[in-house]
Every structure is written in C-alpha cells, then in structure tokens.
Amino acid sequence: MKIRAAYTTALSRPTFDLLTGRINGRFNVEVADGVDIATATSADIIEAGASFTVGNPELRNAYSRNFDISFEYYADKQNAFSVAVFHKQIDDFIFNSFATDADVNLAGVNDPGALFASLNLAGRPGFELVDQLGGFQGIAALPGFDTDISQARNGEKATITGIEFAVFHAFDYLPGILSHFGFIGNATFTDSKTTIAIGDFSLTQQQIDDGLTVSPAAFVQLGFANTDDILTQEFPFFNSPEAIYNATLFVDYKGLEANLSYRNSGVQLEEIEAFGISQFQQGRTFIDFNIEYRFKDVGPFGRVTLFFEANDLTDTGQKPSVFETRGKSRAFNDNSTFNGRTFTFGTRVRF
C-alpha cells in the first residue's frame, strides 16, 4: 500500500502568434444566383459576414497550483487498485474571447469597421467587389450581416476538482492462454468552473435613448444594468468533461499481443460566445482493436512484426466522430465530422 501526496506549480506562456498585434480578417459575400459579379449591387447580396482574429500583446502567463493525493493498493505484482483526488487552481488562463455585436465591448475590440480598414486590402483580389457593393460599412448595414471578432485574453481564475479510480488486474489464475489476459481500467470525474466577463454595457446615453436593439441596451433600458456594469457568466472550464472512462482487455502470449479498448468522454466546453450560445463538444465513445504477432530471426531480419488495427469499430459512418453544438444540448448542431471505422494492416521489420 502506498499513499502519495504532491503540490506542484506550473506556468504556461502565450505563444508568439497570440501576442502579436497582427489582425487577420475574412470577409464573405454571397450574391443571388444568376447575378453578374461585375454589375452586382448591395441589393443582390443574400448573405454576408466578416470574421476577425486580433492579437493581444497584453496577454499574461497562465499559472496553476496543483494539489494531488493518491491511495494505491498492490495485492501482488499483477493486481493493483488506486484512488486519486486532485484540485487545480489556474490563474490568468488564456482563452479565445468572441464578440458578435459591434456595440459589445469585448476585450477592448468592438469596431468591425475599424478592423476592416486596418487590414489594408486595397489592391487585393476581391477588394474592388467590396467597394462596388458600398464598402464595408454599407454591406454591414444590411439586415442579417454577421460579424465575429475573436481575441485571446486572460481569464481570472478557474478551479478543477476531481477523483480518479484505476484498476489493473491479471487473470493469471485462469487455465491455459486465458492466464495471459489482463484488464486495465480507469474512470475520472471532475467538477470545474470559472467566471468570465463576457461583455460590458459601455453605451452612450444617446444610444440608449435611440432604443438600440442589441442586448446591452435592452438590459440598461429595463433597469437591470448600468452602462458601466460588467456582464459575467459562470462556465465549466474548457476541455474538461465531467466524466472520462477508459477500459482495455489485453493478452500477451508468446509473441502475440492484442487489446480491445473502450474510451468515452463527456460533454466539454470549447468556445465562449458573448451574448450568444457557447460551443460544446458532445460526448464521444470509441472502441478500438489492435493485434500484432512478432517473429524472431526471420532470415536476415532480427524481428518481423505483423500488425492489424481497427479504429472506432462501432462507427458505421452514420454517427459523427466530432460533434460540436451551440449549447450543451445536442439539439443545435454547429459542426459535424463523419469518418467511419478505419482499418490498418502492415509489417514492421527490425534488422
């Protein structure tokens, strides 16, 4: 029996591409079918949008404090059980913030027109079309125009608390080849949370008097907020599912190795939207099978290994391997990727 305890700290620095002051922008315009681009006007636009990614030179290092304690019980060399409890506190963690409305001041970036002008697109392919359609401000004034602005910034504090159960068991008491089978499994359960400022109500009195229909004005008009208030919301921490399960049945016998594995992870937060519905990655389940056989001293070769791998066995191509939604529910699909099961067969040679 062993009891282990640890306190550690870690520091994560922002990457150079996040720190740069560069602005990357993308502008999409779709005109009605049959319209000649050379003569198109703003009346011919059926869909338009812009997205901007803005660097943040003011990013701070993320810093974490980690507490871990585990209890491990070894019945013998082939059988073990463990329980581990952990708690992490992460300060100044880095995440991508999003603004979807020009009047929501998120991370100090709230003017799509100024961002578009800063791209200096004059002379580049497609710029003439934008100018022909009335320029960015003209197109942005059309109903249904959508603007996304993202910028990496620091959150204040996040906590992750969890418990993990793990077991290793060998079936060495069974007869014949069955005595070479074994099982490895673990289950992790976590509770995480962070409070993030997703916008503020920095509106002028004139904007409020004009009855601006965006969300901040509505809050102010109804008396639920003041113009200098900060809007915060509690979220689970990014990429931290509430439950993760892994289980593997394996055999190792006279050059033969095989395992059948099960993996499952729960729903996890991926991106936060200001005054919108955040993006979640839905839970996923995978079943994989791997087998290989090793031949020794085959002619001039020291070892030859034949192997076969089957990944995501239960995936018939009808279920998404990646399923991203708006909101925690599966009801609002945002992005799906369908792969189907894959099979690999090959050989490895050692001289």
Protein backbone atom coordinates (compact mmCIF):
# COMPACT_ATOMS: atom_id res chain seq x y z
CA MET A 1 0.00 0.00 0.00
CA LYS A 2 1.26 3.46 -0.89
CA ILE A 3 -0.01 6.95 -0.20
CA ARG A 4 1.38 9.77 -2.30
CA ALA A 5 0.79 13.50 -1.99
CA ALA A 6 2.14 16.34 -4.08
CA TYR A 7 1.89 20.08 -4.52
CA THR A 8 3.18 21.44 -7.80
CA THR A 9 3.04 24.66 -9.77
CA ALA A 10 3.15 25.23 -13.49
CA LEU A 11 3.48 28.21 -15.79
CA SER A 12 2.24 28.43 -19.37
CA ARG A 13 3.34 31.28 -21.61
CA PRO A 14 1.21 32.57 -24.50
CA THR A 15 2.54 31.66 -27.93
CA PHE A 16 4.03 34.32 -30.18
CA ASP A 17 1.13 34.20 -32.63
CA LEU A 18 -1.26 35.16 -29.80
CA LEU A 19 0.96 38.03 -28.63
CA THR A 20 1.41 39.67 -32.00
CA GLY A 21 -0.57 42.81 -32.77
CA ARG A 22 -1.49 41.44 -36.20
CA ILE A 23 -5.12 41.37 -37.36
CA ASN A 24 -6.39 38.57 -39.58
CA GLY A 25 -9.70 39.16 -41.32
CA ARG A 26 -12.06 37.27 -43.57
CA PHE A 27 -14.93 38.85 -45.47
CA ASN A 28 -17.60 36.71 -47.16
CA VAL A 29 -20.23 37.95 -49.60
CA GLU A 30 -22.78 35.78 -51.41
CA VAL A 31 -24.89 37.23 -54.20
CA ALA A 32 -28.06 35.82 -55.73
CA ASP A 33 -27.83 33.16 -58.44
CA GLY A 34 -27.56 34.48 -61.96
CA VAL A 35 -26.19 37.87 -60.92
CA ASP A 36 -23.14 39.08 -62.81
CA ILE A 37 -20.47 39.92 -60.23
CA ALA A 38 -19.22 42.77 -62.40
CA THR A 39 -22.56 44.57 -62.13
CA ALA A 40 -23.75 43.36 -58.69
CA THR A 41 -25.06 45.87 -56.18
CA SER A 42 -25.82 45.66 -52.47
CA ALA A 43 -29.42 44.75 -53.36
CA ASP A 44 -28.13 41.49 -54.88
CA ILE A 45 -26.48 40.31 -51.64
CA ILE A 46 -28.27 37.40 -49.97
CA GLU A 47 -25.71 36.70 -47.26
CA ALA A 48 -22.65 38.49 -45.92
CA GLY A 49 -20.39 38.26 -42.93
CA ALA A 50 -16.95 39.08 -41.59
CA SER A 51 -14.67 37.47 -39.05
CA PHE A 52 -11.57 38.96 -37.44
CA THR A 53 -8.84 37.44 -35.28
CA VAL A 54 -6.94 40.06 -33.30
CA GLY A 55 -3.64 39.56 -31.46
CA ASN A 56 -3.21 40.62 -27.84
CA PRO A 57 0.25 41.88 -26.77
CA GLU A 58 -1.05 42.31 -23.20
CA LEU A 59 -1.53 38.60 -22.53
CA ARG A 60 -0.11 37.38 -19.22
CA ASN A 61 1.35 33.99 -18.37
CA ALA A 62 -1.08 31.40 -17.03
CA TYR A 63 -0.14 30.00 -13.63
CA SER A 64 -1.52 26.90 -11.92
CA ARG A 65 -1.35 25.41 -8.44
CA ASN A 66 -1.94 21.67 -8.28
CA PHE A 67 -2.77 19.51 -5.27
CA ASP A 68 -2.77 15.72 -5.66
CA ILE A 69 -3.16 12.83 -3.21
CA SER A 70 -3.47 9.16 -4.12
CA PHE A 71 -4.01 5.85 -2.38
CA GLU A 72 -2.55 2.78 -4.13
CA TYR A 73 -3.07 -0.83 -3.11
CA TYR A 74 -0.99 -3.63 -4.66
CA ALA A 75 -2.34 -7.11 -3.97
CA ASP A 76 0.65 -8.52 -5.88
CA LYS A 77 2.74 -7.67 -8.93
CA GLN A 78 -0.20 -8.33 -11.23
CA ASN A 79 -3.08 -6.67 -9.42
CA ALA A 80 -3.47 -3.10 -8.21
CA PHE A 81 -6.12 -0.56 -7.35
CA SER A 82 -5.78 3.18 -6.84
CA VAL A 83 -7.83 6.24 -5.98
CA ALA A 84 -6.53 9.74 -6.63
CA VAL A 85 -8.02 13.10 -5.71
CA PHE A 86 -6.82 16.31 -7.35
CA HIS A 87 -7.53 20.01 -7.22
CA LYS A 88 -6.17 22.63 -9.60
CA GLN A 89 -6.41 26.38 -9.45
CA ILE A 90 -5.49 28.18 -12.65
CA ASP A 91 -4.92 31.94 -12.65
CA ASP A 92 -4.84 34.09 -15.81
CA PHE A 93 -5.69 31.18 -18.06
CA ILE A 94 -5.75 32.01 -21.77
CA PHE A 95 -8.81 31.56 -23.95
CA ASN A 96 -10.37 32.99 -27.10
CA SER A 97 -12.98 35.65 -26.47
CA PHE A 98 -15.65 36.38 -29.05
CA ALA A 99 -17.79 39.42 -29.81
CA THR A 100 -20.72 39.14 -32.19
CA ASP A 101 -22.02 42.69 -31.98
CA ALA A 102 -20.22 45.95 -32.65
CA ASP A 103 -21.72 47.53 -29.54
CA VAL A 104 -20.45 44.88 -27.15
CA ASN A 105 -17.01 45.94 -25.94
CA LEU A 106 -15.21 42.65 -25.53
CA ALA A 107 -11.51 42.70 -24.69
CA GLY A 108 -11.33 46.27 -25.99
CA VAL A 109 -12.14 45.23 -29.57
CA ASN A 110 -15.54 46.37 -30.73
CA ASP A 111 -15.39 48.19 -34.07
CA PRO A 112 -15.54 45.86 -37.11
CA GLY A 113 -15.33 48.82 -39.47
CA ALA A 114 -12.04 49.98 -37.96
CA LEU A 115 -10.71 46.42 -38.04
CA PHE A 116 -11.65 46.07 -41.69
CA ALA A 117 -9.95 49.35 -42.54
CA SER A 118 -6.80 48.26 -40.70
CA LEU A 119 -6.42 45.23 -42.98
CA ASN A 120 -5.27 47.49 -45.84
CA LEU A 121 -6.90 45.37 -48.52
CA ALA A 122 -6.65 47.93 -51.33
CA GLY A 123 -5.41 46.27 -54.49
CA ARG A 124 -6.04 42.74 -53.26
CA PRO A 125 -8.37 40.33 -55.09
CA GLY A 126 -11.98 40.94 -54.11
CA PHE A 127 -11.46 44.43 -52.70
CA GLU A 128 -12.99 46.05 -55.79
CA LEU A 129 -16.15 44.00 -55.28
CA VAL A 130 -16.48 45.18 -51.67
CA ASP A 131 -16.00 48.78 -52.80
CA GLN A 132 -18.50 48.27 -55.61
CA LEU A 133 -21.11 46.94 -53.15
CA GLY A 134 -20.92 50.02 -50.97
CA GLY A 135 -17.83 49.33 -48.89
CA PHE A 136 -17.70 47.53 -45.58
CA GLN A 137 -19.98 49.96 -43.76
CA GLY A 138 -22.60 49.74 -46.49
CA ILE A 139 -22.60 45.96 -46.51
CA ALA A 140 -22.50 45.76 -42.71
CA ALA A 141 -25.68 47.85 -42.55
CA LEU A 142 -27.64 45.19 -44.45
CA PRO A 143 -30.09 43.04 -42.43
CA GLY A 144 -28.59 39.72 -41.38
CA PHE A 145 -24.97 40.81 -41.61
CA ASP A 146 -22.93 38.81 -39.09
CA THR A 147 -19.61 39.87 -37.56
CA ASP A 148 -17.37 37.68 -35.40
CA ILE A 149 -14.37 39.16 -33.58
CA SER A 150 -12.06 36.90 -31.62
CA GLN A 151 -9.06 37.73 -29.45
CA ALA A 152 -7.08 35.67 -26.98
CA ARG A 153 -7.26 37.10 -23.48
CA ASN A 154 -6.75 36.11 -19.86
CA GLY A 155 -9.45 34.79 -17.61
CA GLU A 156 -9.21 35.47 -13.92
CA LYS A 157 -9.42 32.15 -12.08
CA ALA A 158 -10.58 28.61 -12.75
CA THR A 159 -10.81 25.58 -10.47
CA ILE A 160 -10.86 21.90 -11.40
CA THR A 161 -11.56 19.28 -8.73
CA GLY A 162 -11.79 15.59 -9.43
CA ILE A 163 -11.33 11.99 -8.43
CA GLU A 164 -9.89 9.12 -10.45
CA PHE A 165 -10.31 5.38 -9.91
CA ALA A 166 -7.93 2.95 -11.61
CA VAL A 167 -7.54 -0.83 -11.59
CA PHE A 168 -5.07 -3.31 -13.07
CA HIS A 169 -5.96 -6.99 -12.93
CA ALA A 170 -4.27 -10.06 -14.44
CA PHE A 171 -6.24 -13.28 -14.92
CA ASP A 172 -3.23 -15.43 -14.03
CA TYR A 173 -5.42 -17.88 -12.10
CA LEU A 174 -7.26 -18.99 -15.27
CA PRO A 175 -6.14 -22.06 -17.28
CA GLY A 176 -4.05 -22.04 -20.45
CA ILE A 177 -3.81 -18.96 -22.63
CA LEU A 178 -6.50 -17.26 -20.54
CA SER A 179 -3.93 -16.79 -17.78
CA HIS A 180 -2.15 -14.30 -20.06
CA PHE A 181 -5.17 -12.00 -20.25
CA GLY A 182 -5.47 -8.81 -18.23
CA PHE A 183 -7.63 -5.77 -17.69
CA ILE A 184 -6.80 -2.08 -17.23
CA GLY A 185 -9.48 0.47 -16.47
CA ASN A 186 -9.91 3.96 -15.08
CA ALA A 187 -12.70 6.45 -14.54
CA THR A 188 -12.26 10.16 -13.86
CA PHE A 189 -14.93 12.53 -12.58
CA THR A 190 -14.34 16.28 -12.47
CA ASP A 191 -16.13 19.42 -11.42
CA SER A 192 -14.77 22.62 -12.93
CA LYS A 193 -15.90 26.20 -13.04
CA THR A 194 -14.78 29.67 -13.95
CA THR A 195 -16.48 33.05 -14.10
CA ILE A 196 -15.74 35.06 -17.23
CA ALA A 197 -16.58 38.64 -18.14
CA ILE A 198 -18.30 38.22 -21.49
CA GLY A 199 -19.08 41.88 -22.20
CA ASP A 200 -19.89 45.24 -20.73
CA PHE A 201 -22.55 47.88 -21.12
CA SER A 202 -20.39 50.74 -22.38
CA LEU A 203 -23.19 52.53 -24.22
CA THR A 204 -23.69 56.24 -24.54
CA GLN A 205 -26.90 57.76 -23.25
CA GLN A 206 -27.75 58.67 -26.84
CA GLN A 207 -27.53 55.00 -27.87
CA ILE A 208 -29.86 54.08 -25.04
CA ASP A 209 -32.29 56.89 -25.91
CA ASP A 210 -32.26 55.76 -29.55
CA GLY A 211 -33.62 52.39 -28.42
CA LEU A 212 -30.68 50.35 -29.68
CA THR A 213 -31.94 46.81 -30.04
CA VAL A 214 -28.74 44.98 -29.12
CA SER A 215 -28.64 43.04 -25.87
CA PRO A 216 -26.68 45.54 -23.70
CA ALA A 217 -29.15 48.33 -24.46
CA ALA A 218 -32.07 46.10 -23.55
CA PHE A 219 -30.53 45.33 -20.16
CA VAL A 220 -29.91 49.00 -19.49
CA GLN A 221 -33.32 50.13 -20.69
CA LEU A 222 -35.08 47.59 -18.46
CA GLY A 223 -33.12 48.77 -15.45
CA PHE A 224 -31.25 45.51 -14.91
CA ALA A 225 -27.82 47.08 -15.50
CA ASN A 226 -25.96 50.36 -15.61
CA THR A 227 -23.85 51.47 -18.55
CA ASP A 228 -20.61 50.79 -16.67
CA ASP A 229 -21.54 47.31 -15.42
CA ILE A 230 -19.60 44.20 -16.40
CA LEU A 231 -21.59 41.17 -17.51
CA THR A 232 -20.18 37.88 -16.17
CA GLN A 233 -21.24 34.28 -16.59
CA GLU A 234 -20.14 31.04 -14.93
CA PHE A 235 -18.90 28.26 -17.20
CA PRO A 236 -17.27 24.87 -16.79
CA PHE A 237 -13.58 25.06 -17.63
CA PHE A 238 -12.52 24.50 -21.21
CA ASN A 239 -11.99 20.94 -22.44
CA SER A 240 -12.86 19.47 -19.03
CA PRO A 241 -15.58 16.82 -19.39
CA GLU A 242 -17.39 15.80 -16.23
CA ALA A 243 -16.60 12.12 -16.80
CA ILE A 244 -13.97 10.11 -18.73
CA TYR A 245 -13.91 6.31 -18.92
CA ASN A 246 -11.20 4.01 -20.30
CA ALA A 247 -11.14 0.21 -20.30
CA THR A 248 -8.79 -2.24 -22.02
CA LEU A 249 -8.84 -6.03 -22.21
CA PHE A 250 -5.44 -7.33 -23.34
CA VAL A 251 -3.46 -10.51 -23.92
CA ASP A 252 0.31 -11.05 -24.16
CA TYR A 253 1.26 -14.60 -25.09
CA LYS A 254 4.33 -15.96 -26.92
CA GLY A 255 4.79 -13.06 -29.33
CA LEU A 256 1.09 -12.35 -29.63
CA GLU A 257 -0.20 -9.04 -28.31
CA ALA A 258 -3.80 -7.89 -28.64
CA ASN A 259 -6.08 -5.43 -26.93
CA LEU A 260 -9.66 -4.31 -27.13
CA SER A 261 -10.15 -0.76 -25.84
CA TYR A 262 -13.14 1.34 -24.87
CA ARG A 263 -12.94 5.15 -24.49
CA ASN A 264 -15.66 7.58 -23.53
CA SER A 265 -15.52 11.27 -22.70
CA GLY A 266 -18.40 13.53 -21.73
CA VAL A 267 -19.55 16.91 -22.98
CA GLN A 268 -16.95 19.67 -22.78
CA LEU A 269 -16.86 23.43 -23.39
CA GLU A 270 -14.79 24.57 -26.38
CA GLU A 271 -15.57 28.24 -27.09
CA ILE A 272 -17.44 31.05 -25.38
CA GLU A 273 -19.72 33.41 -27.26
CA ALA A 274 -20.61 36.83 -25.90
CA PHE A 275 -24.40 37.27 -25.86
CA GLY A 276 -24.64 34.06 -27.81
CA ILE A 277 -24.68 30.31 -27.29
CA SER A 278 -21.27 28.85 -26.49
CA GLN A 279 -19.80 25.94 -28.41
CA PHE A 280 -19.60 22.50 -26.79
CA GLN A 281 -18.04 19.25 -27.93
CA GLN A 282 -20.54 16.46 -27.38
CA GLY A 283 -19.52 13.24 -25.65
CA ARG A 284 -17.79 10.60 -27.73
CA THR A 285 -17.32 6.83 -27.49
CA PHE A 286 -14.65 4.82 -29.31
CA ILE A 287 -13.98 1.09 -29.43
CA ASP A 288 -10.63 0.07 -30.94
CA PHE A 289 -8.97 -3.29 -31.58
CA ASN A 290 -5.25 -3.91 -32.13
CA ILE A 291 -3.37 -7.17 -32.65
CA GLU A 292 0.21 -7.98 -33.60
CA TYR A 293 2.44 -11.03 -33.81
CA ARG A 294 6.24 -10.96 -33.58
CA PHE A 295 8.51 -13.36 -35.48
CA LYS A 296 12.13 -13.56 -34.35
CA ASP A 297 15.20 -14.28 -36.51
CA VAL A 298 13.44 -14.34 -39.87
CA GLY A 299 16.19 -14.67 -42.44
CA PRO A 300 18.40 -11.53 -42.31
CA PHE A 301 15.94 -9.76 -40.01
CA GLY A 302 16.16 -9.71 -36.25
CA ARG A 303 12.40 -9.34 -35.82
CA VAL A 304 9.38 -9.10 -38.11
CA THR A 305 6.05 -7.92 -36.72
CA LEU A 306 2.71 -8.20 -38.45
CA PHE A 307 0.01 -5.91 -37.11
CA PHE A 308 -3.64 -5.11 -37.66
CA GLU A 309 -5.54 -2.10 -36.23
CA ALA A 310 -9.25 -1.36 -36.31
CA ASN A 311 -10.25 2.06 -35.01
CA ASP A 312 -13.75 3.14 -33.96
CA LEU A 313 -15.28 -0.25 -34.64
CA THR A 314 -18.87 0.79 -33.95
CA ASP A 315 -18.76 3.78 -36.30
CA THR A 316 -20.71 2.90 -39.44
CA GLY A 317 -20.28 6.41 -40.83
CA GLN A 318 -23.73 7.42 -39.59
CA LYS A 319 -22.58 8.98 -36.32
CA PRO A 320 -20.26 11.98 -36.08
CA SER A 321 -16.78 11.40 -34.69
CA VAL A 322 -16.69 15.13 -33.93
CA PHE A 323 -19.99 16.71 -32.93
CA GLU A 324 -19.91 20.39 -31.94
CA THR A 325 -23.09 22.13 -30.83
CA ARG A 326 -24.28 25.56 -29.77
CA GLY A 327 -25.24 24.99 -26.17
CA LYS A 328 -24.76 21.89 -24.06
CA SER A 329 -27.72 20.10 -25.60
CA ARG A 330 -27.33 18.02 -28.77
CA ALA A 331 -30.24 19.92 -30.35
CA PHE A 332 -28.28 22.70 -32.12
CA ASN A 333 -25.62 21.22 -34.37
CA ASP A 334 -22.79 23.63 -35.22
CA ASN A 335 -20.23 21.34 -36.85
CA SER A 336 -20.07 17.61 -37.50
CA THR A 337 -17.36 15.36 -38.90
CA PHE A 338 -18.11 11.85 -40.13
CA ASN A 339 -15.19 9.44 -40.56
CA GLY A 340 -16.41 5.88 -40.19
CA ARG A 341 -14.30 2.98 -38.96
CA THR A 342 -10.74 2.62 -40.25
CA PHE A 343 -8.55 -0.47 -40.70
CA THR A 344 -4.77 -0.63 -40.96
CA PHE A 345 -2.62 -3.65 -41.76
CA GLY A 346 1.15 -3.65 -42.04
CA THR A 347 4.51 -5.01 -41.02
CA ARG A 348 7.49 -3.68 -39.06
CA VAL A 349 10.99 -5.02 -39.61
CA ARG A 350 13.97 -4.73 -37.27
CA PHE A 351 17.44 -5.52 -38.55
